Amino acid sequence: MDSTKEKCDSYKDDLLLRMGLNDNKAGMEGLDKEKINKIIMEATKGSRFYGNELKKEKQVNQRIENMMQQKAQITSQQLRKAQLQINIKF
């Protein structure tokens, strides 16, 4: 149960990072980033943009999950064989 909540929180954090304020730009230091991000989220929630961002985030997370499953299926023998093939090419 906690794992699901953590995934949900992480999902929201990732979305906020992409949609939120980038305060690394000139003149942005000292701004209340949390307050601005809250305003951005409230203004975009329910919009086509927000829906599209959710869709993209879901697709990225699905690709990551698929890659993690593929990684888990790789045996140490397969890994050694791949490393040897790479070493031969270089």
N, C-alpha and C. Protein backbone atom coordinates (compact mmCIF):
# COMPACT_ATOMS: atom_id res chain seq x y z
N MET A 1 0.83 -1.19 0.00
CA MET A 1 0.00 0.00 0.00
C MET A 1 0.87 1.25 0.00
N ASP A 2 1.90 1.28 0.85
CA ASP A 2 2.79 2.43 0.89
C ASP A 2 3.52 2.60 -0.43
N SER A 3 3.85 1.47 -1.08
CA SER A 3 4.54 1.51 -2.36
C SER A 3 3.68 2.21 -3.41
N THR A 4 2.39 1.95 -3.43
CA THR A 4 1.48 2.59 -4.37
C THR A 4 1.41 4.08 -4.12
N LYS A 5 1.34 4.47 -2.85
CA LYS A 5 1.30 5.89 -2.50
C LYS A 5 2.60 6.58 -2.91
N GLU A 6 3.74 5.90 -2.68
CA GLU A 6 5.03 6.46 -3.06
C GLU A 6 5.11 6.64 -4.57
N LYS A 7 4.61 5.65 -5.33
CA LYS A 7 4.61 5.76 -6.79
C LYS A 7 3.76 6.93 -7.23
N CYS A 8 2.61 7.10 -6.61
CA CYS A 8 1.70 8.20 -6.94
C CYS A 8 2.36 9.54 -6.64
N ASP A 9 2.99 9.65 -5.46
CA ASP A 9 3.68 10.89 -5.10
C ASP A 9 4.83 11.17 -6.05
N SER A 10 5.58 10.13 -6.41
CA SER A 10 6.69 10.28 -7.34
C SER A 10 6.18 10.72 -8.71
N TYR A 11 5.06 10.13 -9.12
CA TYR A 11 4.43 10.46 -10.39
C TYR A 11 4.06 11.93 -10.43
N LYS A 12 3.45 12.43 -9.34
CA LYS A 12 3.06 13.84 -9.27
C LYS A 12 4.28 14.73 -9.24
N ASP A 13 5.33 14.32 -8.53
CA ASP A 13 6.56 15.10 -8.47
C ASP A 13 7.20 15.21 -9.85
N ASP A 14 7.23 14.08 -10.60
CA ASP A 14 7.80 14.10 -11.95
C ASP A 14 7.01 15.03 -12.86
N LEU A 15 5.71 14.98 -12.75
CA LEU A 15 4.86 15.83 -13.57
C LEU A 15 5.09 17.29 -13.22
N LEU A 16 5.18 17.58 -11.93
CA LEU A 16 5.43 18.95 -11.48
C LEU A 16 6.77 19.46 -12.00
N LEU A 17 7.78 18.61 -12.01
CA LEU A 17 9.09 19.03 -12.50
C LEU A 17 9.02 19.45 -13.96
N ARG A 18 8.26 18.70 -14.76
CA ARG A 18 8.17 19.03 -16.18
C ARG A 18 7.28 20.24 -16.44
N MET A 19 6.21 20.37 -15.67
CA MET A 19 5.26 21.44 -15.92
C MET A 19 5.56 22.70 -15.13
N GLY A 20 6.32 22.57 -14.06
CA GLY A 20 6.51 23.68 -13.13
C GLY A 20 7.52 24.71 -13.59
N LEU A 21 7.74 25.65 -12.72
CA LEU A 21 8.64 26.77 -12.94
C LEU A 21 10.09 26.30 -12.96
N ASN A 22 10.85 26.78 -13.93
CA ASN A 22 12.29 26.54 -13.98
C ASN A 22 12.96 27.76 -13.38
N ASP A 23 13.40 27.65 -12.14
CA ASP A 23 13.98 28.81 -11.47
C ASP A 23 15.49 28.92 -11.66
N ASN A 24 16.02 28.19 -12.63
CA ASN A 24 17.45 28.28 -12.94
C ASN A 24 17.74 29.38 -13.94
N LYS A 25 16.74 30.08 -14.37
CA LYS A 25 16.92 31.15 -15.35
C LYS A 25 17.29 32.44 -14.63
N ALA A 26 17.89 33.34 -15.37
CA ALA A 26 18.31 34.63 -14.80
C ALA A 26 17.10 35.39 -14.27
N GLY A 27 17.25 36.00 -13.10
CA GLY A 27 16.19 36.80 -12.51
C GLY A 27 15.15 36.01 -11.75
N MET A 28 15.32 34.71 -11.65
CA MET A 28 14.32 33.87 -10.99
C MET A 28 14.68 33.51 -9.56
N GLU A 29 15.87 33.88 -9.10
CA GLU A 29 16.24 33.52 -7.74
C GLU A 29 15.40 34.30 -6.74
N GLY A 30 15.08 33.65 -5.65
CA GLY A 30 14.30 34.29 -4.59
C GLY A 30 12.80 34.17 -4.76
N LEU A 31 12.33 33.57 -5.84
CA LEU A 31 10.89 33.41 -6.03
C LEU A 31 10.38 32.23 -5.21
N ASP A 32 9.12 32.29 -4.83
CA ASP A 32 8.50 31.19 -4.08
C ASP A 32 8.07 30.13 -5.09
N LYS A 33 8.98 29.21 -5.37
CA LYS A 33 8.76 28.21 -6.40
C LYS A 33 7.55 27.33 -6.09
N GLU A 34 7.39 26.96 -4.84
CA GLU A 34 6.27 26.10 -4.45
C GLU A 34 4.93 26.77 -4.73
N LYS A 35 4.82 28.04 -4.39
CA LYS A 35 3.57 28.78 -4.61
C LYS A 35 3.29 28.92 -6.10
N ILE A 36 4.33 29.24 -6.87
CA ILE A 36 4.16 29.41 -8.32
C ILE A 36 3.77 28.09 -8.97
N ASN A 37 4.41 26.99 -8.57
CA ASN A 37 4.06 25.68 -9.12
C ASN A 37 2.63 25.30 -8.78
N LYS A 38 2.17 25.65 -7.59
CA LYS A 38 0.78 25.37 -7.20
C LYS A 38 -0.18 26.13 -8.11
N ILE A 39 0.14 27.39 -8.40
CA ILE A 39 -0.70 28.20 -9.29
C ILE A 39 -0.72 27.59 -10.69
N ILE A 40 0.46 27.17 -11.17
CA ILE A 40 0.55 26.56 -12.51
C ILE A 40 -0.31 25.30 -12.56
N MET A 41 -0.21 24.45 -11.54
CA MET A 41 -0.98 23.20 -11.54
C MET A 41 -2.49 23.48 -11.49
N GLU A 42 -2.90 24.45 -10.68
CA GLU A 42 -4.33 24.77 -10.59
C GLU A 42 -4.84 25.34 -11.91
N ALA A 43 -4.02 26.14 -12.58
CA ALA A 43 -4.44 26.77 -13.82
C ALA A 43 -4.52 25.78 -14.98
N THR A 44 -3.65 24.76 -14.97
CA THR A 44 -3.61 23.83 -16.09
C THR A 44 -4.45 22.58 -15.88
N LYS A 45 -4.81 22.28 -14.64
CA LYS A 45 -5.57 21.06 -14.35
C LYS A 45 -6.87 21.06 -15.15
N GLY A 46 -7.11 19.94 -15.82
CA GLY A 46 -8.33 19.81 -16.61
C GLY A 46 -8.17 20.28 -18.05
N SER A 47 -7.05 20.92 -18.37
CA SER A 47 -6.84 21.41 -19.73
C SER A 47 -6.34 20.28 -20.63
N ARG A 48 -6.38 20.50 -21.93
CA ARG A 48 -5.86 19.51 -22.87
C ARG A 48 -4.36 19.33 -22.66
N PHE A 49 -3.67 20.43 -22.36
CA PHE A 49 -2.23 20.36 -22.09
C PHE A 49 -1.95 19.43 -20.91
N TYR A 50 -2.68 19.62 -19.83
CA TYR A 50 -2.51 18.81 -18.63
C TYR A 50 -2.79 17.33 -18.93
N GLY A 51 -3.87 17.09 -19.66
CA GLY A 51 -4.21 15.72 -20.03
C GLY A 51 -3.14 15.08 -20.88
N ASN A 52 -2.58 15.86 -21.80
CA ASN A 52 -1.51 15.34 -22.65
C ASN A 52 -0.25 15.05 -21.83
N GLU A 53 0.07 15.92 -20.88
CA GLU A 53 1.23 15.70 -20.01
C GLU A 53 1.05 14.44 -19.18
N LEU A 54 -0.16 14.21 -18.68
CA LEU A 54 -0.44 12.99 -17.93
C LEU A 54 -0.26 11.76 -18.81
N LYS A 55 -0.75 11.86 -20.04
CA LYS A 55 -0.63 10.75 -21.00
C LYS A 55 0.84 10.45 -21.29
N LYS A 56 1.63 11.50 -21.53
CA LYS A 56 3.06 11.31 -21.80
C LYS A 56 3.77 10.71 -20.60
N GLU A 57 3.44 11.18 -19.42
CA GLU A 57 4.05 10.67 -18.19
C GLU A 57 3.74 9.19 -18.01
N LYS A 58 2.49 8.82 -18.30
CA LYS A 58 2.09 7.41 -18.19
C LYS A 58 2.86 6.55 -19.19
N GLN A 59 3.04 7.05 -20.41
CA GLN A 59 3.78 6.31 -21.43
C GLN A 59 5.24 6.12 -21.03
N VAL A 60 5.85 7.18 -20.51
CA VAL A 60 7.25 7.09 -20.07
C VAL A 60 7.38 6.08 -18.93
N ASN A 61 6.49 6.16 -17.97
CA ASN A 61 6.54 5.22 -16.85
C ASN A 61 6.33 3.78 -17.30
N GLN A 62 5.48 3.57 -18.29
CA GLN A 62 5.26 2.22 -18.82
C GLN A 62 6.51 1.71 -19.52
N ARG A 63 7.17 2.58 -20.30
CA ARG A 63 8.42 2.17 -20.96
C ARG A 63 9.49 1.82 -19.93
N ILE A 64 9.59 2.61 -18.88
CA ILE A 64 10.56 2.34 -17.83
C ILE A 64 10.26 1.00 -17.17
N GLU A 65 9.00 0.76 -16.88
CA GLU A 65 8.59 -0.50 -16.25
C GLU A 65 8.94 -1.69 -17.15
N ASN A 66 8.69 -1.56 -18.46
CA ASN A 66 9.02 -2.63 -19.40
C ASN A 66 10.52 -2.89 -19.42
N MET A 67 11.31 -1.82 -19.42
CA MET A 67 12.77 -1.98 -19.42
C MET A 67 13.25 -2.65 -18.13
N MET A 68 12.65 -2.29 -17.02
CA MET A 68 13.05 -2.89 -15.74
C MET A 68 12.71 -4.38 -15.72
N GLN A 69 11.58 -4.76 -16.32
CA GLN A 69 11.22 -6.17 -16.40
C GLN A 69 12.19 -6.92 -17.30
N GLN A 70 12.56 -6.30 -18.43
CA GLN A 70 13.54 -6.93 -19.32
C GLN A 70 14.88 -7.08 -18.62
N LYS A 71 15.28 -6.07 -17.89
CA LYS A 71 16.55 -6.11 -17.16
C LYS A 71 16.54 -7.24 -16.13
N ALA A 72 15.43 -7.43 -15.47
CA ALA A 72 15.32 -8.47 -14.45
C ALA A 72 15.44 -9.87 -15.05
N GLN A 73 15.12 -10.01 -16.32
CA GLN A 73 15.16 -11.32 -16.97
C GLN A 73 16.54 -11.67 -17.52
N ILE A 74 17.46 -10.71 -17.53
CA ILE A 74 18.80 -10.96 -18.06
C ILE A 74 19.59 -11.79 -17.05
N THR A 75 20.14 -12.89 -17.53
CA THR A 75 20.94 -13.74 -16.65
C THR A 75 22.38 -13.23 -16.62
N SER A 76 23.13 -13.65 -15.63
CA SER A 76 24.53 -13.23 -15.53
C SER A 76 25.33 -13.75 -16.72
N GLN A 77 24.96 -14.91 -17.24
CA GLN A 77 25.64 -15.47 -18.41
C GLN A 77 25.39 -14.58 -19.64
N GLN A 78 24.16 -14.15 -19.83
CA GLN A 78 23.84 -13.26 -20.95
C GLN A 78 24.58 -11.94 -20.82
N LEU A 79 24.69 -11.45 -19.60
CA LEU A 79 25.38 -10.19 -19.35
C LEU A 79 26.87 -10.32 -19.69
N ARG A 80 27.50 -11.41 -19.24
CA ARG A 80 28.92 -11.64 -19.55
C ARG A 80 29.15 -11.75 -21.05
N LYS A 81 28.26 -12.46 -21.74
CA LYS A 81 28.38 -12.62 -23.18
C LYS A 81 28.29 -11.27 -23.88
N ALA A 82 27.36 -10.42 -23.47
CA ALA A 82 27.21 -9.09 -24.06
C ALA A 82 28.43 -8.23 -23.79
N GLN A 83 28.98 -8.32 -22.57
CA GLN A 83 30.18 -7.54 -22.24
C GLN A 83 31.37 -7.98 -23.08
N LEU A 84 31.50 -9.28 -23.30
CA LEU A 84 32.59 -9.79 -24.15
C LEU A 84 32.43 -9.29 -25.59
N GLN A 85 31.22 -9.29 -26.09
CA GLN A 85 30.98 -8.81 -27.45
C GLN A 85 31.35 -7.34 -27.58
N ILE A 86 31.04 -6.56 -26.57
CA ILE A 86 31.37 -5.13 -26.60
C ILE A 86 32.88 -4.95 -26.54
N ASN A 87 33.56 -5.71 -25.69
CA ASN A 87 35.01 -5.60 -25.56
C ASN A 87 35.72 -5.98 -26.85
N ILE A 88 35.19 -6.94 -27.58
CA ILE A 88 35.79 -7.36 -28.85
C ILE A 88 35.68 -6.24 -29.88
N LYS A 89 34.57 -5.53 -29.90
CA LYS A 89 34.35 -4.46 -30.88
C LYS A 89 35.24 -3.25 -30.61
N PHE A 90 35.62 -3.03 -29.36
CA PHE A 90 36.43 -1.86 -29.03
C PHE A 90 37.80 -2.33 -28.71
